[in-house]
C-alpha atoms as a PDB file:
ATOM      1  CA  UNK A   1     -35.541   6.677  -6.792  1.00  0.00           C
ATOM      2  CA  UNK A   2     -32.390   6.158  -4.708  1.00  0.00           C
ATOM      3  CA  UNK A   3     -30.799   2.704  -4.714  1.00  0.00           C
ATOM      4  CA  UNK A   4     -27.780   1.461  -2.783  1.00  0.00           C
ATOM      5  CA  UNK A   5     -25.690  -1.687  -3.160  1.00  0.00           C
ATOM      6  CA  UNK A   6     -22.906  -2.951  -0.920  1.00  0.00           C
ATOM      7  CA  UNK A   7     -20.152  -5.351  -1.942  1.00  0.00           C
ATOM      8  CA  UNK A   8     -17.699  -6.930   0.489  1.00  0.00           C
ATOM      9  CA  UNK A   9     -14.752  -8.963  -0.778  1.00  0.00           C
ATOM     10  CA  UNK A  10     -12.449 -10.785   1.638  1.00  0.00           C
ATOM     11  CA  UNK A  11      -8.789 -11.080   0.724  1.00  0.00           C
ATOM     12  CA  UNK A  12      -7.151 -11.637   4.117  1.00  0.00           C
ATOM     13  CA  UNK A  13      -4.211  -9.581   2.849  1.00  0.00           C
ATOM     14  CA  UNK A  14      -4.272  -5.834   3.469  1.00  0.00           C
ATOM     15  CA  UNK A  15      -1.868  -5.024   0.624  1.00  0.00           C
ATOM     16  CA  UNK A  16      -3.921  -6.982  -1.919  1.00  0.00           C
ATOM     17  CA  UNK A  17      -7.163  -5.449  -0.649  1.00  0.00           C
ATOM     18  CA  UNK A  18      -5.674  -1.929  -0.846  1.00  0.00           C
ATOM     19  CA  UNK A  19      -4.491  -2.570  -4.396  1.00  0.00           C
ATOM     20  CA  UNK A  20      -7.940  -3.771  -5.463  1.00  0.00           C
ATOM     21  CA  UNK A  21      -9.730  -0.881  -3.727  1.00  0.00           C
ATOM     22  CA  UNK A  22      -7.388   1.650  -5.367  1.00  0.00           C
ATOM     23  CA  UNK A  23      -7.856   0.033  -8.764  1.00  0.00           C
ATOM     24  CA  UNK A  24     -11.579   0.793  -8.817  1.00  0.00           C
ATOM     25  CA  UNK A  25     -11.313   4.291  -7.349  1.00  0.00           C
ATOM     26  CA  UNK A  26     -11.010   5.953 -10.811  1.00  0.00           C
ATOM     27  CA  UNK A  27     -14.493   4.595 -11.568  1.00  0.00           C
ATOM     28  CA  UNK A  28     -15.844   7.002  -8.949  1.00  0.00           C
ATOM     29  CA  UNK A  29     -14.009   9.956 -10.506  1.00  0.00           C
ATOM     30  CA  UNK A  30     -15.620   9.310 -13.888  1.00  0.00           C
ATOM     31  CA  UNK A  31     -19.096   8.532 -12.544  1.00  0.00           C
ATOM     32  CA  UNK A  32     -22.074  10.660 -13.579  1.00  0.00           C
ATOM     33  CA  UNK A  33     -23.430  13.081 -10.958  1.00  0.00           C
ATOM     34  CA  UNK A  34     -26.314  10.766 -10.000  1.00  0.00           C
ATOM     35  CA  UNK A  35     -23.937   7.862  -9.232  1.00  0.00           C
ATOM     36  CA  UNK A  36     -21.480   7.458  -6.352  1.00  0.00           C
ATOM     37  CA  UNK A  37     -18.985   4.611  -5.938  1.00  0.00           C
ATOM     38  CA  UNK A  38     -16.812   4.404  -2.823  1.00  0.00           C
ATOM     39  CA  UNK A  39     -14.306   1.578  -2.370  1.00  0.00           C
ATOM     40  CA  UNK A  40     -12.096   1.197   0.676  1.00  0.00           C
ATOM     41  CA  UNK A  41      -9.901  -1.395   2.336  1.00  0.00           C
ATOM     42  CA  UNK A  42     -10.755  -2.420   5.893  1.00  0.00           C
ATOM     43  CA  UNK A  43      -8.808  -5.195   7.638  1.00  0.00           C
ATOM     44  CA  UNK A  44      -7.974  -7.111   4.470  1.00  0.00           C
ATOM     45  CA  UNK A  45     -11.428  -6.634   2.952  1.00  0.00           C
ATOM     46  CA  UNK A  46     -12.604  -4.403   0.130  1.00  0.00           C
ATOM     47  CA  UNK A  47     -15.875  -2.689   0.948  1.00  0.00           C
ATOM     48  CA  UNK A  48     -17.682  -0.984  -1.907  1.00  0.00           C
ATOM     49  CA  UNK A  49     -20.779   1.184  -1.656  1.00  0.00           C
ATOM     50  CA  UNK A  50     -22.645   2.106  -4.817  1.00  0.00           C
ATOM     51  CA  UNK A  51     -25.397   4.680  -4.565  1.00  0.00           C
ATOM     52  CA  UNK A  52     -27.455   6.078  -7.406  1.00  0.00           C
ATOM     53  CA  UNK A  53     -30.501   8.135  -8.177  1.00  0.00           C
ATOM     54  CA  UNK A  54     -31.471   5.972 -11.127  1.00  0.00           C
ATOM     55  CA  UNK A  55     -33.384   2.950 -12.313  1.00  0.00           C
ATOM     56  CA  UNK A  56     -32.551  -0.305 -10.539  1.00  0.00           C
ATOM     57  CA  UNK A  57     -31.386  -1.706 -13.901  1.00  0.00           C
ATOM     58  CA  UNK A  58     -28.731   1.006 -14.027  1.00  0.00           C
ATOM     59  CA  UNK A  59     -27.550   0.061 -10.547  1.00  0.00           C
ATOM     60  CA  UNK A  60     -27.341  -3.617 -11.519  1.00  0.00           C
ATOM     61  CA  UNK A  61     -25.343  -2.759 -14.648  1.00  0.00           C
ATOM     62  CA  UNK A  62     -22.996  -0.634 -12.536  1.00  0.00           C
ATOM     63  CA  UNK A  63     -22.478  -3.509 -10.085  1.00  0.00           C
ATOM     64  CA  UNK A  64     -21.777  -5.848 -13.006  1.00  0.00           C
ATOM     65  CA  UNK A  65     -19.263  -3.407 -14.532  1.00  0.00           C
ATOM     66  CA  UNK A  66     -17.564  -2.879 -11.185  1.00  0.00           C
ATOM     67  CA  UNK A  67     -17.246  -6.620 -10.547  1.00  0.00           C
ATOM     68  CA  UNK A  68     -15.686  -7.010 -14.004  1.00  0.00           C
ATOM     69  CA  UNK A  69     -13.163  -4.288 -13.154  1.00  0.00           C
ATOM     70  CA  UNK A  70     -12.395  -5.963  -9.828  1.00  0.00           C
ATOM     71  CA  UNK A  71     -11.909  -9.311 -11.558  1.00  0.00           C
ATOM     72  CA  UNK A  72      -9.459  -7.737 -14.019  1.00  0.00           C
ATOM     73  CA  UNK A  73      -7.587  -6.081 -11.137  1.00  0.00           C
ATOM     74  CA  UNK A  74      -7.388  -9.418  -9.294  1.00  0.00           C
ATOM     75  CA  UNK A  75      -5.941 -11.127 -12.377  1.00  0.00           C
ATOM     76  CA  UNK A  76      -3.391  -8.344 -12.830  1.00  0.00           C
ATOM     77  CA  UNK A  77      -2.410  -8.471  -9.173  1.00  0.00           C
ATOM     78  CA  UNK A  78      -1.994 -12.239  -9.340  1.00  0.00           C
ATOM     79  CA  UNK A  79       0.310 -11.886 -12.375  1.00  0.00           C
ATOM     80  CA  UNK A  80       2.402  -9.237 -10.623  1.00  0.00           C
ATOM     81  CA  UNK A  81       2.661 -11.342  -7.463  1.00  0.00           C
ATOM     82  CA  UNK A  82       3.666 -14.416  -9.473  1.00  0.00           C
ATOM     83  CA  UNK A  83       6.261 -12.454 -11.435  1.00  0.00           C
ATOM     84  CA  UNK A  84       7.682 -11.033  -8.198  1.00  0.00           C
ATOM     85  CA  UNK A  85       7.965 -14.521  -6.682  1.00  0.00           C
ATOM     86  CA  UNK A  86       9.719 -15.807  -9.799  1.00  0.00           C
ATOM     87  CA  UNK A  87      12.133 -12.851  -9.762  1.00  0.00           C
ATOM     88  CA  UNK A  88      12.894 -13.497  -6.098  1.00  0.00           C
ATOM     89  CA  UNK A  89      13.574 -17.178  -6.789  1.00  0.00           C
ATOM     90  CA  UNK A  90      15.818 -16.300  -9.737  1.00  0.00           C
ATOM     91  CA  UNK A  91      17.725 -13.814  -7.603  1.00  0.00           C
ATOM     92  CA  UNK A  92      18.298 -16.411  -4.893  1.00  0.00           C
ATOM     93  CA  UNK A  93      19.583 -18.875  -7.496  1.00  0.00           C
ATOM     94  CA  UNK A  94      22.007 -16.295  -8.880  1.00  0.00           C
ATOM     95  CA  UNK A  95      23.566 -15.472  -5.516  1.00  0.00           C
END
């Protein structure tokens, strides 16, 4: 049976949304043939479509795995943004 799930995450920041969407794109490249994951950035939002010819439990596990990957990407992005801000502040102090 075919199942489809949609996830929409609002960031309000196109660059952050693009980074998150790109971070989960490799999941689609490694997906089995009966599973399709498409993530894209649209106006500061990440829109993800997951489609599978599988049991609904498999779809739910895929959604759970994907959300875990997104959460890890968000944490990484936050660390990079914080580090960049600190570097900028240090640079200003040195000048």
